Amino acid sequence: MTEDWVLVTADVGPMSRPDFLRAIESGVLTHETMTTVIQRVKVYGDVAVVTGRGQNTGTFRGDPMRADEWITDVYTKTASGWLCAMTHLTPVTET
């Protein structure tokens, strides 16, 4: 993750890297299972956009959670390799 990485979700909205890591460290957010299927990777020079679908289980604020989400990650190429700069999660809705 980049230092200015941000997570955007429908439930919480934008969450900074420090806030996200604090949520994990404090136990506000836990994951028991997590799977991801990458569906598309598109590279634009030093930027890459990765889309996929992920499922996870765990707890959020003490309540059990189960998520099925579309994932969009934006990566930037740095001297040390590719780092994720932004993650956007959208709940899957069956039609």
N, C-alpha and C. Protein backbone atom coordinates (compact mmCIF):
# COMPACT_ATOMS: atom_id res chain seq x y z
N MET A 1 0.84 -1.18 0.00
CA MET A 1 0.00 0.00 0.00
C MET A 1 0.88 1.25 0.00
N THR A 2 0.44 2.25 -0.72
CA THR A 2 1.12 3.54 -0.65
C THR A 2 0.79 4.19 0.69
N GLU A 3 1.59 5.16 1.09
CA GLU A 3 1.33 5.86 2.35
C GLU A 3 -0.01 6.58 2.34
N ASP A 4 -0.46 7.03 1.16
CA ASP A 4 -1.73 7.76 1.07
C ASP A 4 -2.87 6.88 0.53
N TRP A 5 -2.70 5.55 0.63
CA TRP A 5 -3.73 4.61 0.19
C TRP A 5 -5.06 4.94 0.86
N VAL A 6 -6.14 4.73 0.13
CA VAL A 6 -7.47 4.95 0.67
C VAL A 6 -8.38 3.80 0.24
N LEU A 7 -9.27 3.41 1.15
CA LEU A 7 -10.29 2.40 0.89
C LEU A 7 -11.63 3.10 0.83
N VAL A 8 -12.42 2.81 -0.20
CA VAL A 8 -13.76 3.39 -0.33
C VAL A 8 -14.77 2.26 -0.32
N THR A 9 -15.74 2.33 0.61
CA THR A 9 -16.79 1.32 0.69
C THR A 9 -18.15 2.01 0.77
N ALA A 10 -19.19 1.26 0.45
CA ALA A 10 -20.55 1.81 0.53
C ALA A 10 -20.95 2.09 1.97
N ASP A 11 -20.47 1.28 2.91
CA ASP A 11 -20.87 1.43 4.32
C ASP A 11 -20.14 2.56 5.04
N VAL A 12 -18.84 2.69 4.78
CA VAL A 12 -18.01 3.61 5.56
C VAL A 12 -17.60 4.84 4.75
N GLY A 13 -17.56 4.72 3.44
CA GLY A 13 -17.05 5.80 2.60
C GLY A 13 -15.55 5.74 2.56
N PRO A 14 -14.87 6.86 2.30
CA PRO A 14 -13.41 6.85 2.24
C PRO A 14 -12.79 6.60 3.62
N MET A 15 -11.80 5.72 3.67
CA MET A 15 -11.08 5.41 4.90
C MET A 15 -9.58 5.45 4.59
N SER A 16 -8.84 6.22 5.35
CA SER A 16 -7.40 6.36 5.12
C SER A 16 -6.66 5.09 5.56
N ARG A 17 -5.45 4.96 5.08
CA ARG A 17 -4.61 3.83 5.48
C ARG A 17 -4.45 3.76 7.00
N PRO A 18 -4.09 4.88 7.68
CA PRO A 18 -3.95 4.80 9.13
C PRO A 18 -5.25 4.36 9.83
N ASP A 19 -6.40 4.87 9.38
CA ASP A 19 -7.67 4.47 9.99
C ASP A 19 -7.96 3.00 9.76
N PHE A 20 -7.69 2.51 8.55
CA PHE A 20 -7.90 1.10 8.23
C PHE A 20 -7.02 0.20 9.09
N LEU A 21 -5.74 0.54 9.18
CA LEU A 21 -4.82 -0.27 9.98
C LEU A 21 -5.18 -0.23 11.46
N ARG A 22 -5.67 0.92 11.95
CA ARG A 22 -6.13 1.01 13.35
C ARG A 22 -7.34 0.11 13.58
N ALA A 23 -8.26 0.07 12.61
CA ALA A 23 -9.45 -0.78 12.73
C ALA A 23 -9.05 -2.25 12.84
N ILE A 24 -8.05 -2.66 12.10
CA ILE A 24 -7.58 -4.04 12.18
C ILE A 24 -6.86 -4.29 13.50
N GLU A 25 -5.95 -3.38 13.85
CA GLU A 25 -5.17 -3.55 15.08
C GLU A 25 -6.05 -3.59 16.32
N SER A 26 -7.10 -2.78 16.34
CA SER A 26 -7.98 -2.70 17.51
C SER A 26 -9.02 -3.81 17.55
N GLY A 27 -9.17 -4.55 16.46
CA GLY A 27 -10.17 -5.61 16.41
C GLY A 27 -11.53 -5.14 15.93
N VAL A 28 -11.68 -3.86 15.58
CA VAL A 28 -12.94 -3.36 15.04
C VAL A 28 -13.29 -4.13 13.77
N LEU A 29 -12.27 -4.46 12.97
CA LEU A 29 -12.45 -5.24 11.75
C LEU A 29 -11.58 -6.48 11.82
N THR A 30 -12.21 -7.65 11.66
CA THR A 30 -11.46 -8.90 11.59
C THR A 30 -11.91 -9.67 10.35
N HIS A 31 -11.02 -10.49 9.84
CA HIS A 31 -11.37 -11.37 8.73
C HIS A 31 -11.04 -12.80 9.11
N GLU A 32 -12.00 -13.69 8.88
CA GLU A 32 -11.77 -15.12 9.08
C GLU A 32 -11.42 -15.79 7.76
N THR A 33 -12.12 -15.40 6.70
CA THR A 33 -11.84 -15.94 5.37
C THR A 33 -11.80 -14.79 4.37
N MET A 34 -11.02 -14.98 3.30
CA MET A 34 -10.97 -13.97 2.25
C MET A 34 -10.50 -14.64 0.96
N THR A 35 -11.31 -14.52 -0.08
CA THR A 35 -10.93 -15.04 -1.39
C THR A 35 -11.15 -13.95 -2.43
N THR A 36 -10.29 -13.94 -3.43
CA THR A 36 -10.40 -12.95 -4.51
C THR A 36 -10.14 -13.65 -5.84
N VAL A 37 -10.97 -13.31 -6.82
CA VAL A 37 -10.77 -13.79 -8.18
C VAL A 37 -10.51 -12.56 -9.06
N ILE A 38 -9.30 -12.47 -9.60
CA ILE A 38 -8.95 -11.35 -10.47
C ILE A 38 -9.59 -11.58 -11.83
N GLN A 39 -10.31 -10.57 -12.31
CA GLN A 39 -11.00 -10.71 -13.59
C GLN A 39 -10.35 -9.90 -14.71
N ARG A 40 -9.65 -8.83 -14.34
CA ARG A 40 -9.07 -7.98 -15.39
C ARG A 40 -7.93 -7.16 -14.80
N VAL A 41 -6.85 -7.06 -15.55
CA VAL A 41 -5.73 -6.19 -15.20
C VAL A 41 -5.42 -5.35 -16.43
N LYS A 42 -5.41 -4.04 -16.26
CA LYS A 42 -5.10 -3.14 -17.37
C LYS A 42 -4.01 -2.19 -16.91
N VAL A 43 -2.90 -2.16 -17.66
CA VAL A 43 -1.76 -1.31 -17.31
C VAL A 43 -1.74 -0.11 -18.23
N TYR A 44 -1.60 1.08 -17.61
CA TYR A 44 -1.51 2.35 -18.32
C TYR A 44 -0.20 3.02 -17.90
N GLY A 45 0.90 2.60 -18.49
CA GLY A 45 2.20 3.17 -18.10
C GLY A 45 2.58 2.75 -16.70
N ASP A 46 2.66 3.72 -15.78
CA ASP A 46 3.03 3.46 -14.39
C ASP A 46 1.82 3.29 -13.48
N VAL A 47 0.64 3.10 -14.07
CA VAL A 47 -0.59 2.89 -13.31
C VAL A 47 -1.26 1.62 -13.82
N ALA A 48 -1.81 0.84 -12.91
CA ALA A 48 -2.55 -0.36 -13.29
C ALA A 48 -3.88 -0.38 -12.56
N VAL A 49 -4.92 -0.82 -13.26
CA VAL A 49 -6.25 -0.96 -12.67
C VAL A 49 -6.58 -2.45 -12.66
N VAL A 50 -6.90 -2.97 -11.48
CA VAL A 50 -7.20 -4.38 -11.31
C VAL A 50 -8.64 -4.50 -10.83
N THR A 51 -9.44 -5.30 -11.52
CA THR A 51 -10.82 -5.53 -11.09
C THR A 51 -11.00 -7.01 -10.80
N GLY A 52 -11.86 -7.28 -9.85
CA GLY A 52 -12.12 -8.66 -9.48
C GLY A 52 -13.34 -8.75 -8.58
N ARG A 53 -13.53 -9.94 -8.06
CA ARG A 53 -14.65 -10.19 -7.15
C ARG A 53 -14.08 -10.91 -5.93
N GLY A 54 -14.50 -10.47 -4.76
CA GLY A 54 -14.00 -11.06 -3.53
C GLY A 54 -15.11 -11.40 -2.57
N GLN A 55 -14.90 -12.46 -1.81
CA GLN A 55 -15.81 -12.83 -0.73
C GLN A 55 -14.99 -12.93 0.55
N ASN A 56 -15.59 -12.46 1.65
CA ASN A 56 -14.91 -12.57 2.93
C ASN A 56 -15.91 -12.68 4.06
N THR A 57 -15.43 -13.22 5.17
CA THR A 57 -16.23 -13.31 6.39
C THR A 57 -15.38 -12.78 7.54
N GLY A 58 -16.04 -12.35 8.60
CA GLY A 58 -15.33 -11.85 9.77
C GLY A 58 -16.29 -11.08 10.65
N THR A 59 -15.78 -10.04 11.30
CA THR A 59 -16.61 -9.19 12.14
C THR A 59 -16.29 -7.73 11.85
N PHE A 60 -17.30 -6.88 12.01
CA PHE A 60 -17.13 -5.43 11.91
C PHE A 60 -17.90 -4.81 13.06
N ARG A 61 -17.17 -4.10 13.90
CA ARG A 61 -17.75 -3.48 15.11
C ARG A 61 -18.45 -4.53 15.98
N GLY A 62 -17.87 -5.73 16.01
CA GLY A 62 -18.39 -6.79 16.86
C GLY A 62 -19.49 -7.63 16.25
N ASP A 63 -20.01 -7.23 15.11
CA ASP A 63 -21.09 -7.98 14.47
C ASP A 63 -20.53 -8.86 13.35
N PRO A 64 -21.06 -10.09 13.23
CA PRO A 64 -20.61 -10.95 12.13
C PRO A 64 -20.88 -10.29 10.79
N MET A 65 -19.99 -10.52 9.84
CA MET A 65 -20.21 -9.99 8.49
C MET A 65 -19.83 -11.05 7.47
N ARG A 66 -20.50 -10.96 6.36
CA ARG A 66 -20.20 -11.80 5.19
C ARG A 66 -20.35 -10.86 4.00
N ALA A 67 -19.32 -10.77 3.18
CA ALA A 67 -19.35 -9.83 2.06
C ALA A 67 -19.05 -10.54 0.75
N ASP A 68 -19.74 -10.10 -0.28
CA ASP A 68 -19.48 -10.51 -1.66
C ASP A 68 -19.38 -9.19 -2.42
N GLU A 69 -18.17 -8.86 -2.89
CA GLU A 69 -17.92 -7.50 -3.39
C GLU A 69 -17.17 -7.50 -4.71
N TRP A 70 -17.49 -6.50 -5.52
CA TRP A 70 -16.67 -6.17 -6.68
C TRP A 70 -15.53 -5.31 -6.16
N ILE A 71 -14.32 -5.59 -6.63
CA ILE A 71 -13.13 -4.90 -6.15
C ILE A 71 -12.46 -4.18 -7.31
N THR A 72 -12.13 -2.92 -7.09
CA THR A 72 -11.29 -2.18 -8.02
C THR A 72 -10.09 -1.66 -7.24
N ASP A 73 -8.90 -2.06 -7.66
CA ASP A 73 -7.66 -1.58 -7.05
C ASP A 73 -6.89 -0.78 -8.09
N VAL A 74 -6.32 0.33 -7.66
CA VAL A 74 -5.46 1.14 -8.52
C VAL A 74 -4.04 1.04 -7.96
N TYR A 75 -3.12 0.59 -8.80
CA TYR A 75 -1.73 0.43 -8.42
C TYR A 75 -0.86 1.46 -9.12
N THR A 76 0.22 1.85 -8.46
CA THR A 76 1.20 2.74 -9.06
C THR A 76 2.57 2.06 -9.01
N LYS A 77 3.32 2.21 -10.08
CA LYS A 77 4.64 1.60 -10.15
C LYS A 77 5.65 2.52 -9.48
N THR A 78 6.38 1.97 -8.52
CA THR A 78 7.39 2.72 -7.79
C THR A 78 8.75 2.04 -7.99
N ALA A 79 9.79 2.65 -7.45
CA ALA A 79 11.13 2.07 -7.55
C ALA A 79 11.19 0.70 -6.87
N SER A 80 10.34 0.48 -5.86
CA SER A 80 10.35 -0.80 -5.13
C SER A 80 9.31 -1.79 -5.66
N GLY A 81 8.56 -1.42 -6.69
CA GLY A 81 7.56 -2.32 -7.26
C GLY A 81 6.19 -1.68 -7.31
N TRP A 82 5.19 -2.49 -7.60
CA TRP A 82 3.81 -2.01 -7.69
C TRP A 82 3.20 -1.90 -6.30
N LEU A 83 2.59 -0.74 -6.00
CA LEU A 83 1.93 -0.53 -4.71
C LEU A 83 0.49 -0.10 -4.95
N CYS A 84 -0.42 -0.61 -4.12
CA CYS A 84 -1.83 -0.24 -4.24
C CYS A 84 -2.03 1.16 -3.66
N ALA A 85 -2.66 2.04 -4.44
CA ALA A 85 -2.91 3.42 -4.02
C ALA A 85 -4.36 3.64 -3.61
N MET A 86 -5.27 2.80 -4.11
CA MET A 86 -6.69 2.97 -3.81
C MET A 86 -7.41 1.65 -4.02
N THR A 87 -8.35 1.36 -3.11
CA THR A 87 -9.21 0.19 -3.23
C THR A 87 -10.65 0.66 -3.11
N HIS A 88 -11.49 0.21 -4.03
CA HIS A 88 -12.91 0.53 -3.99
C HIS A 88 -13.69 -0.78 -3.96
N LEU A 89 -14.59 -0.92 -2.99
CA LEU A 89 -15.41 -2.12 -2.84
C LEU A 89 -16.87 -1.77 -3.07
N THR A 90 -17.54 -2.56 -3.90
CA THR A 90 -18.96 -2.38 -4.18
C THR A 90 -19.67 -3.70 -3.93
N PRO A 91 -20.71 -3.72 -3.09
CA PRO A 91 -21.43 -4.97 -2.86
C PRO A 91 -22.00 -5.53 -4.15
N VAL A 92 -21.91 -6.85 -4.31
CA VAL A 92 -22.50 -7.53 -5.46
C VAL A 92 -24.01 -7.61 -5.23
N THR A 93 -24.76 -7.22 -6.23
CA THR A 93 -26.21 -7.38 -6.18
C THR A 93 -26.61 -8.31 -7.30
N GLU A 94 -27.33 -9.34 -6.96
CA GLU A 94 -27.79 -10.31 -7.96
C GLU A 94 -29.00 -9.75 -8.67
N THR A 95 -29.01 -9.86 -9.99
CA THR A 95 -30.15 -9.35 -10.76
C THR A 95 -30.93 -10.47 -11.39
